[in-house]
Amino acid sequence: MNKLVLLTVAVAFSAVSFGTTTVASVQDTPVYYLSLGDSLSVGIQPNQSDLHRPFPFIGAGGFGGALSREGFSDQLAAIKRQTISNLHLVKLGCNGESTSSMIAGPAELPGQTEHTVGLCNYKYGSQLDDAVAFLEQHSGQVAFVTISIGANDVIPCGTDVPCVTSALQTIQTNLATILGRLRAAAGPGVPIAGMNYFSTAIVAWFEDPALAQMI
């Protein structure tokens, strides 16, 4: 996890007042941190088999990884519990989720691939639908939301520049839908933070420095 990014988000949240106008202040009442998005949001870490796979797998299916409690959301929750003792972390993210699958869930889409169809099942149909439902059902109890999404739209493209360009346009369109629905459900007082990504292509440096620089 990029510690600078984590520190930046932690500092940003420390400046936000979680008063009675936004979050329930009764000590016994749960207060929630809602973590949304892809593998980073649920703490997926590379496993031993991934560490020895060649770089080209990035454009052909990604890696398996292993679920952990060491992701940025776990670390951020631990930091914020120093000031919000009754904070509960809720992870709705899904390994492999893209902006398209976050909206559509496991439904079939035109030209579907593993990166446009949701890989996780959700009670209300998709991760976005579940997130909206959670926010509406816990009005006044959500301290903040983070979202890490978009990498899986781009990663399947590998070094195909037209594919990357198209994927970036898709991300822009889908994020407007995702963030619009989250804001409507959360209300104006709940902070929603988008996470930065580390470079998933840096590993290419060990095999092809020119490729790493291009990406």
C-alpha atoms as a PDB file:
ATOM      1  CA  MET A   1       0.000   0.000   0.000  1.00  0.00           C
ATOM      2  CA  ASN A   2       1.289   3.462  -0.874  1.00  0.00           C
ATOM      3  CA  LYS A   3       1.873   4.944   2.604  1.00  0.00           C
ATOM      4  CA  LEU A   4       1.913   8.510   1.254  1.00  0.00           C
ATOM      5  CA  VAL A   5      -1.559   8.047  -0.233  1.00  0.00           C
ATOM      6  CA  LEU A   6      -2.816   6.478   3.000  1.00  0.00           C
ATOM      7  CA  LEU A   7      -1.350   9.327   5.063  1.00  0.00           C
ATOM      8  CA  THR A   8      -2.881  11.922   2.737  1.00  0.00           C
ATOM      9  CA  VAL A   9      -6.335  10.373   3.069  1.00  0.00           C
ATOM     10  CA  ALA A  10      -5.972  10.005   6.839  1.00  0.00           C
ATOM     11  CA  VAL A  11      -4.990  13.666   7.188  1.00  0.00           C
ATOM     12  CA  ALA A  12      -7.873  14.739   4.959  1.00  0.00           C
ATOM     13  CA  PHE A  13     -10.363  12.807   7.066  1.00  0.00           C
ATOM     14  CA  SER A  14      -8.854  14.117  10.311  1.00  0.00           C
ATOM     15  CA  ALA A  15      -9.865  17.597   9.214  1.00  0.00           C
ATOM     16  CA  VAL A  16     -13.504  16.562   8.738  1.00  0.00           C
ATOM     17  CA  SER A  17     -15.865  17.121  11.625  1.00  0.00           C
ATOM     18  CA  PHE A  18     -17.986  14.059  12.378  1.00  0.00           C
ATOM     19  CA  GLY A  19     -20.483  15.900  14.538  1.00  0.00           C
ATOM     20  CA  THR A  20     -24.112  15.247  15.301  1.00  0.00           C
ATOM     21  CA  THR A  21     -25.189  16.794  12.000  1.00  0.00           C
ATOM     22  CA  THR A  22     -23.516  13.980  10.033  1.00  0.00           C
ATOM     23  CA  VAL A  23     -22.853  10.970  12.254  1.00  0.00           C
ATOM     24  CA  ALA A  24     -24.729   9.612  15.243  1.00  0.00           C
ATOM     25  CA  SER A  25     -22.741  10.605  18.341  1.00  0.00           C
ATOM     26  CA  VAL A  26     -24.124   8.151  20.892  1.00  0.00           C
ATOM     27  CA  GLN A  27     -21.234   5.968  22.030  1.00  0.00           C
ATOM     28  CA  ASP A  28     -23.138   2.668  21.699  1.00  0.00           C
ATOM     29  CA  THR A  29     -24.459   3.509  18.232  1.00  0.00           C
ATOM     30  CA  PRO A  30     -22.344   1.996  15.427  1.00  0.00           C
ATOM     31  CA  VAL A  31     -20.616   4.390  13.057  1.00  0.00           C
ATOM     32  CA  TYR A  32     -19.567   3.051   9.674  1.00  0.00           C
ATOM     33  CA  TYR A  33     -16.708   3.417   7.224  1.00  0.00           C
ATOM     34  CA  LEU A  34     -17.888   2.070   3.856  1.00  0.00           C
ATOM     35  CA  SER A  35     -15.107   0.763   1.592  1.00  0.00           C
ATOM     36  CA  LEU A  36     -16.039   0.257  -2.066  1.00  0.00           C
ATOM     37  CA  GLY A  37     -14.287  -0.819  -5.239  1.00  0.00           C
ATOM     38  CA  ASP A  38     -11.910  -3.510  -6.441  1.00  0.00           C
ATOM     39  CA  SER A  39      -9.230  -5.772  -4.946  1.00  0.00           C
ATOM     40  CA  LEU A  40      -7.421  -2.899  -3.227  1.00  0.00           C
ATOM     41  CA  SER A  41     -10.543  -2.011  -1.276  1.00  0.00           C
ATOM     42  CA  VAL A  42     -10.829  -5.495   0.233  1.00  0.00           C
ATOM     43  CA  GLY A  43      -7.120  -5.959   0.921  1.00  0.00           C
ATOM     44  CA  ILE A  44      -6.158  -8.479  -1.776  1.00  0.00           C
ATOM     45  CA  GLN A  45      -2.403  -9.119  -1.694  1.00  0.00           C
ATOM     46  CA  PRO A  46      -0.255 -11.130  -4.144  1.00  0.00           C
ATOM     47  CA  ASN A  47       0.259 -14.742  -3.126  1.00  0.00           C
ATOM     48  CA  GLN A  48       3.371 -16.845  -3.737  1.00  0.00           C
ATOM     49  CA  SER A  49       2.258 -18.103  -7.141  1.00  0.00           C
ATOM     50  CA  ASP A  50       1.595 -14.543  -8.333  1.00  0.00           C
ATOM     51  CA  LEU A  51       5.081 -13.419  -7.346  1.00  0.00           C
ATOM     52  CA  HIS A  52       6.617 -15.750  -9.910  1.00  0.00           C
ATOM     53  CA  ARG A  53       4.277 -15.118 -12.838  1.00  0.00           C
ATOM     54  CA  PRO A  54       5.634 -13.245 -15.901  1.00  0.00           C
ATOM     55  CA  PHE A  55       4.517  -9.699 -16.630  1.00  0.00           C
ATOM     56  CA  PRO A  56       2.312 -10.516 -19.698  1.00  0.00           C
ATOM     57  CA  PHE A  57      -0.391 -11.932 -17.384  1.00  0.00           C
ATOM     58  CA  ILE A  58      -1.409  -8.317 -16.667  1.00  0.00           C
ATOM     59  CA  GLY A  59      -3.194  -8.160 -20.001  1.00  0.00           C
ATOM     60  CA  ALA A  60      -4.698 -11.620 -19.765  1.00  0.00           C
ATOM     61  CA  GLY A  61      -6.727 -12.222 -16.679  1.00  0.00           C
ATOM     62  CA  GLY A  62      -4.860 -10.582 -13.821  1.00  0.00           C
ATOM     63  CA  PHE A  63      -3.681 -12.466 -10.756  1.00  0.00           C
ATOM     64  CA  GLY A  64      -5.327 -14.526  -8.065  1.00  0.00           C
ATOM     65  CA  GLY A  65      -4.127 -12.900  -4.890  1.00  0.00           C
ATOM     66  CA  ALA A  66      -5.168 -13.607  -1.333  1.00  0.00           C
ATOM     67  CA  LEU A  67      -7.603 -11.778   0.928  1.00  0.00           C
ATOM     68  CA  SER A  68      -5.936 -10.009   3.846  1.00  0.00           C
ATOM     69  CA  ARG A  69      -6.645  -7.567   6.635  1.00  0.00           C
ATOM     70  CA  GLU A  70      -3.710  -5.387   5.673  1.00  0.00           C
ATOM     71  CA  GLY A  71      -5.253  -3.292   2.894  1.00  0.00           C
ATOM     72  CA  PHE A  72      -5.586   0.480   2.953  1.00  0.00           C
ATOM     73  CA  SER A  73      -9.159   0.318   4.263  1.00  0.00           C
ATOM     74  CA  ASP A  74      -8.090  -1.749   7.281  1.00  0.00           C
ATOM     75  CA  GLN A  75      -5.225   0.640   7.996  1.00  0.00           C
ATOM     76  CA  LEU A  76      -7.383   3.727   7.576  1.00  0.00           C
ATOM     77  CA  ALA A  77     -10.083   2.275   9.833  1.00  0.00           C
ATOM     78  CA  ALA A  78      -7.465   1.599  12.528  1.00  0.00           C
ATOM     79  CA  ILE A  79      -6.243   5.201  12.317  1.00  0.00           C
ATOM     80  CA  LYS A  80      -9.743   6.672  12.539  1.00  0.00           C
ATOM     81  CA  ARG A  81     -10.722   4.449  15.494  1.00  0.00           C
ATOM     82  CA  GLN A  82      -8.333   6.577  17.534  1.00  0.00           C
ATOM     83  CA  THR A  83     -10.948   9.341  17.323  1.00  0.00           C
ATOM     84  CA  ILE A  84     -14.112   7.348  16.459  1.00  0.00           C
ATOM     85  CA  SER A  85     -14.052   4.448  18.908  1.00  0.00           C
ATOM     86  CA  ASN A  86     -17.258   2.825  17.654  1.00  0.00           C
ATOM     87  CA  LEU A  87     -16.210   2.852  13.985  1.00  0.00           C
ATOM     88  CA  HIS A  88     -17.075  -0.294  12.008  1.00  0.00           C
ATOM     89  CA  LEU A  89     -15.460  -1.089   8.650  1.00  0.00           C
ATOM     90  CA  VAL A  90     -17.836  -2.431   5.997  1.00  0.00           C
ATOM     91  CA  LYS A  91     -16.214  -3.797   2.840  1.00  0.00           C
ATOM     92  CA  LEU A  92     -18.456  -4.167  -0.210  1.00  0.00           C
ATOM     93  CA  GLY A  93     -15.621  -4.319  -2.745  1.00  0.00           C
ATOM     94  CA  CYS A  94     -14.968  -7.176  -5.142  1.00  0.00           C
ATOM     95  CA  ASN A  95     -11.705  -8.554  -6.493  1.00  0.00           C
ATOM     96  CA  GLY A  96     -11.574  -7.841 -10.236  1.00  0.00           C
ATOM     97  CA  GLU A  97     -14.363  -5.245 -10.199  1.00  0.00           C
ATOM     98  CA  SER A  98     -14.396  -2.632 -12.962  1.00  0.00           C
ATOM     99  CA  THR A  99     -16.514   0.505 -13.203  1.00  0.00           C
ATOM    100  CA  SER A 100     -18.853  -1.348 -15.571  1.00  0.00           C
ATOM    101  CA  SER A 101     -19.276  -4.407 -13.369  1.00  0.00           C
ATOM    102  CA  MET A 102     -19.728  -2.234 -10.288  1.00  0.00           C
ATOM    103  CA  ILE A 103     -22.833  -0.810 -11.933  1.00  0.00           C
ATOM    104  CA  ALA A 104     -24.159  -3.913 -13.688  1.00  0.00           C
ATOM    105  CA  GLY A 105     -23.223  -6.680 -11.264  1.00  0.00           C
ATOM    106  CA  PRO A 106     -23.284 -10.243 -12.632  1.00  0.00           C
ATOM    107  CA  ALA A 107     -25.813  -9.364 -15.347  1.00  0.00           C
ATOM    108  CA  GLU A 108     -24.822 -10.153 -18.909  1.00  0.00           C
ATOM    109  CA  LEU A 109     -23.579  -7.188 -20.915  1.00  0.00           C
ATOM    110  CA  PRO A 110     -22.980  -6.738 -24.655  1.00  0.00           C
ATOM    111  CA  GLY A 111     -19.463  -7.884 -25.468  1.00  0.00           C
ATOM    112  CA  GLN A 112     -19.055  -9.095 -21.912  1.00  0.00           C
ATOM    113  CA  THR A 113     -15.714 -10.149 -20.482  1.00  0.00           C
ATOM    114  CA  GLU A 114     -14.612 -11.047 -16.978  1.00  0.00           C
ATOM    115  CA  HIS A 115     -13.832  -7.353 -16.489  1.00  0.00           C
ATOM    116  CA  THR A 116     -17.287  -6.035 -17.420  1.00  0.00           C
ATOM    117  CA  VAL A 117     -19.428  -8.607 -15.628  1.00  0.00           C
ATOM    118  CA  GLY A 118     -19.393  -8.657 -11.845  1.00  0.00           C
ATOM    119  CA  LEU A 119     -17.531 -11.488 -10.177  1.00  0.00           C
ATOM    120  CA  CYS A 120     -19.339 -11.156  -6.830  1.00  0.00           C
ATOM    121  CA  ASN A 121     -22.986 -11.643  -5.988  1.00  0.00           C
ATOM    122  CA  TYR A 122     -24.827  -8.846  -4.229  1.00  0.00           C
ATOM    123  CA  LYS A 123     -28.175  -8.792  -2.450  1.00  0.00           C
ATOM    124  CA  TYR A 124     -29.502  -5.896  -4.514  1.00  0.00           C
ATOM    125  CA  GLY A 125     -27.883  -6.841  -7.822  1.00  0.00           C
ATOM    126  CA  SER A 126     -24.542  -5.026  -7.951  1.00  0.00           C
ATOM    127  CA  GLN A 127     -21.950  -3.469  -5.677  1.00  0.00           C
ATOM    128  CA  LEU A 128     -23.313  -0.022  -6.438  1.00  0.00           C
ATOM    129  CA  ASP A 129     -26.874  -1.102  -5.658  1.00  0.00           C
ATOM    130  CA  ASP A 130     -25.757  -2.612  -2.337  1.00  0.00           C
ATOM    131  CA  ALA A 131     -23.758   0.498  -1.482  1.00  0.00           C
ATOM    132  CA  VAL A 132     -26.713   2.770  -2.164  1.00  0.00           C
ATOM    133  CA  ALA A 133     -28.970   0.548  -0.071  1.00  0.00           C
ATOM    134  CA  PHE A 134     -26.481   0.552   2.804  1.00  0.00           C
ATOM    135  CA  LEU A 135     -26.137   4.318   2.756  1.00  0.00           C
ATOM    136  CA  GLU A 136     -29.893   4.810   2.720  1.00  0.00           C
ATOM    137  CA  GLN A 137     -30.465   2.262   5.488  1.00  0.00           C
ATOM    138  CA  HIS A 138     -27.776   3.812   7.720  1.00  0.00           C
ATOM    139  CA  SER A 139     -28.476   7.486   7.208  1.00  0.00           C
ATOM    140  CA  GLY A 140     -26.677   9.543   9.845  1.00  0.00           C
ATOM    141  CA  GLN A 141     -24.376   6.662  10.806  1.00  0.00           C
ATOM    142  CA  VAL A 142     -21.818   6.731   7.966  1.00  0.00           C
ATOM    143  CA  ALA A 143     -18.637   8.630   8.810  1.00  0.00           C
ATOM    144  CA  PHE A 144     -17.014   8.402   5.388  1.00  0.00           C
ATOM    145  CA  VAL A 145     -16.741   6.368   2.173  1.00  0.00           C
ATOM    146  CA  THR A 146     -13.708   5.417   0.106  1.00  0.00           C
ATOM    147  CA  ILE A 147     -13.735   4.060  -3.422  1.00  0.00           C
ATOM    148  CA  SER A 148     -10.954   2.386  -5.388  1.00  0.00           C
ATOM    149  CA  ILE A 149     -12.142   1.577  -8.913  1.00  0.00           C
ATOM    150  CA  GLY A 150     -10.984   1.842 -12.527  1.00  0.00           C
ATOM    151  CA  ALA A 151      -7.781  -0.186 -12.743  1.00  0.00           C
ATOM    152  CA  ASN A 152      -9.576  -3.285 -14.001  1.00  0.00           C
ATOM    153  CA  ASP A 153     -11.054  -1.265 -16.859  1.00  0.00           C
ATOM    154  CA  VAL A 154      -7.544  -0.492 -18.102  1.00  0.00           C
ATOM    155  CA  ILE A 155      -5.360  -3.457 -17.102  1.00  0.00           C
ATOM    156  CA  PRO A 156      -6.870  -5.908 -19.649  1.00  0.00           C
ATOM    157  CA  CYS A 157      -5.717  -3.560 -22.427  1.00  0.00           C
ATOM    158  CA  GLY A 158      -2.049  -4.209 -21.739  1.00  0.00           C
ATOM    159  CA  THR A 159      -0.135  -1.948 -24.160  1.00  0.00           C
ATOM    160  CA  ASP A 160      -3.012  -1.496 -26.636  1.00  0.00           C
ATOM    161  CA  VAL A 161      -3.244   2.311 -26.735  1.00  0.00           C
ATOM    162  CA  PRO A 162      -6.676   2.565 -28.475  1.00  0.00           C
ATOM    163  CA  CYS A 163      -8.038   0.109 -25.908  1.00  0.00           C
ATOM    164  CA  VAL A 164      -6.673   2.204 -23.060  1.00  0.00           C
ATOM    165  CA  THR A 165      -8.164   5.371 -24.571  1.00  0.00           C
ATOM    166  CA  SER A 166     -11.585   3.714 -24.842  1.00  0.00           C
ATOM    167  CA  ALA A 167     -11.321   2.340 -21.296  1.00  0.00           C
ATOM    168  CA  LEU A 168     -10.536   5.786 -19.892  1.00  0.00           C
ATOM    169  CA  GLN A 169     -13.636   7.179 -21.596  1.00  0.00           C
ATOM    170  CA  THR A 170     -15.697   4.357 -20.091  1.00  0.00           C
ATOM    171  CA  ILE A 171     -14.289   5.107 -16.644  1.00  0.00           C
ATOM    172  CA  GLN A 172     -15.193   8.787 -16.977  1.00  0.00           C
ATOM    173  CA  THR A 173     -18.770   7.964 -17.965  1.00  0.00           C
ATOM    174  CA  ASN A 174     -19.257   5.269 -15.349  1.00  0.00           C
ATOM    175  CA  LEU A 175     -17.729   7.277 -12.502  1.00  0.00           C
ATOM    176  CA  ALA A 176     -20.274  10.031 -13.101  1.00  0.00           C
ATOM    177  CA  THR A 177     -23.026   7.451 -12.575  1.00  0.00           C
ATOM    178  CA  ILE A 178     -21.347   5.765  -9.594  1.00  0.00           C
ATOM    179  CA  LEU A 179     -20.427   8.925  -7.717  1.00  0.00           C
ATOM    180  CA  GLY A 180     -23.742  10.576  -8.521  1.00  0.00           C
ATOM    181  CA  ARG A 181     -25.716   7.723  -6.990  1.00  0.00           C
ATOM    182  CA  LEU A 182     -23.421   7.469  -3.965  1.00  0.00           C
ATOM    183  CA  ARG A 183     -23.675  11.191  -3.260  1.00  0.00           C
ATOM    184  CA  ALA A 184     -27.458  11.145  -3.598  1.00  0.00           C
ATOM    185  CA  ALA A 185     -27.710   8.241  -1.151  1.00  0.00           C
ATOM    186  CA  ALA A 186     -25.104   9.525   1.325  1.00  0.00           C
ATOM    187  CA  GLY A 187     -26.247  13.108   1.383  1.00  0.00           C
ATOM    188  CA  PRO A 188     -24.048  16.207   1.191  1.00  0.00           C
ATOM    189  CA  GLY A 189     -22.314  15.786   4.551  1.00  0.00           C
ATOM    190  CA  VAL A 190     -20.596  12.398   4.124  1.00  0.00           C
ATOM    191  CA  PRO A 191     -17.021  12.565   2.777  1.00  0.00           C
ATOM    192  CA  ILE A 192     -16.401  10.331  -0.257  1.00  0.00           C
ATOM    193  CA  ALA A 193     -12.727   9.855  -1.153  1.00  0.00           C
ATOM    194  CA  GLY A 194     -11.321   8.286  -4.312  1.00  0.00           C
ATOM    195  CA  MET A 195      -8.078   6.362  -3.861  1.00  0.00           C
ATOM    196  CA  ASN A 196      -4.955   6.683  -6.005  1.00  0.00           C
ATOM    197  CA  TYR A 197      -3.331   3.614  -7.579  1.00  0.00           C
ATOM    198  CA  PHE A 198       0.269   2.508  -7.432  1.00  0.00           C
ATOM    199  CA  SER A 199       1.778   1.515 -10.813  1.00  0.00           C
ATOM    200  CA  THR A 200       0.828  -2.091 -11.488  1.00  0.00           C
ATOM    201  CA  ALA A 201       3.280  -2.113 -14.412  1.00  0.00           C
ATOM    202  CA  ILE A 202       6.422  -1.333 -12.423  1.00  0.00           C
ATOM    203  CA  VAL A 203       7.233  -5.054 -12.242  1.00  0.00           C
ATOM    204  CA  ALA A 204       7.890  -4.913 -16.004  1.00  0.00           C
ATOM    205  CA  TRP A 205      11.069  -2.959 -15.256  1.00  0.00           C
ATOM    206  CA  PHE A 206      12.846  -6.179 -14.296  1.00  0.00           C
ATOM    207  CA  GLU A 207      12.147  -7.773 -17.690  1.00  0.00           C
ATOM    208  CA  ASP A 208      11.641  -4.876 -20.102  1.00  0.00           C
ATOM    209  CA  PRO A 209      12.563  -1.348 -18.865  1.00  0.00           C
ATOM    210  CA  ALA A 210      11.378   0.221 -22.142  1.00  0.00           C
ATOM    211  CA  LEU A 211       7.929  -1.301 -21.672  1.00  0.00           C
ATOM    212  CA  ALA A 212       7.775  -0.114 -18.069  1.00  0.00           C
ATOM    213  CA  GLN A 213       8.610   3.445 -19.138  1.00  0.00           C
ATOM    214  CA  MET A 214       5.998   3.383 -21.895  1.00  0.00           C
ATOM    215  CA  ILE A 215       3.275   2.253 -19.498  1.00  0.00           C
END
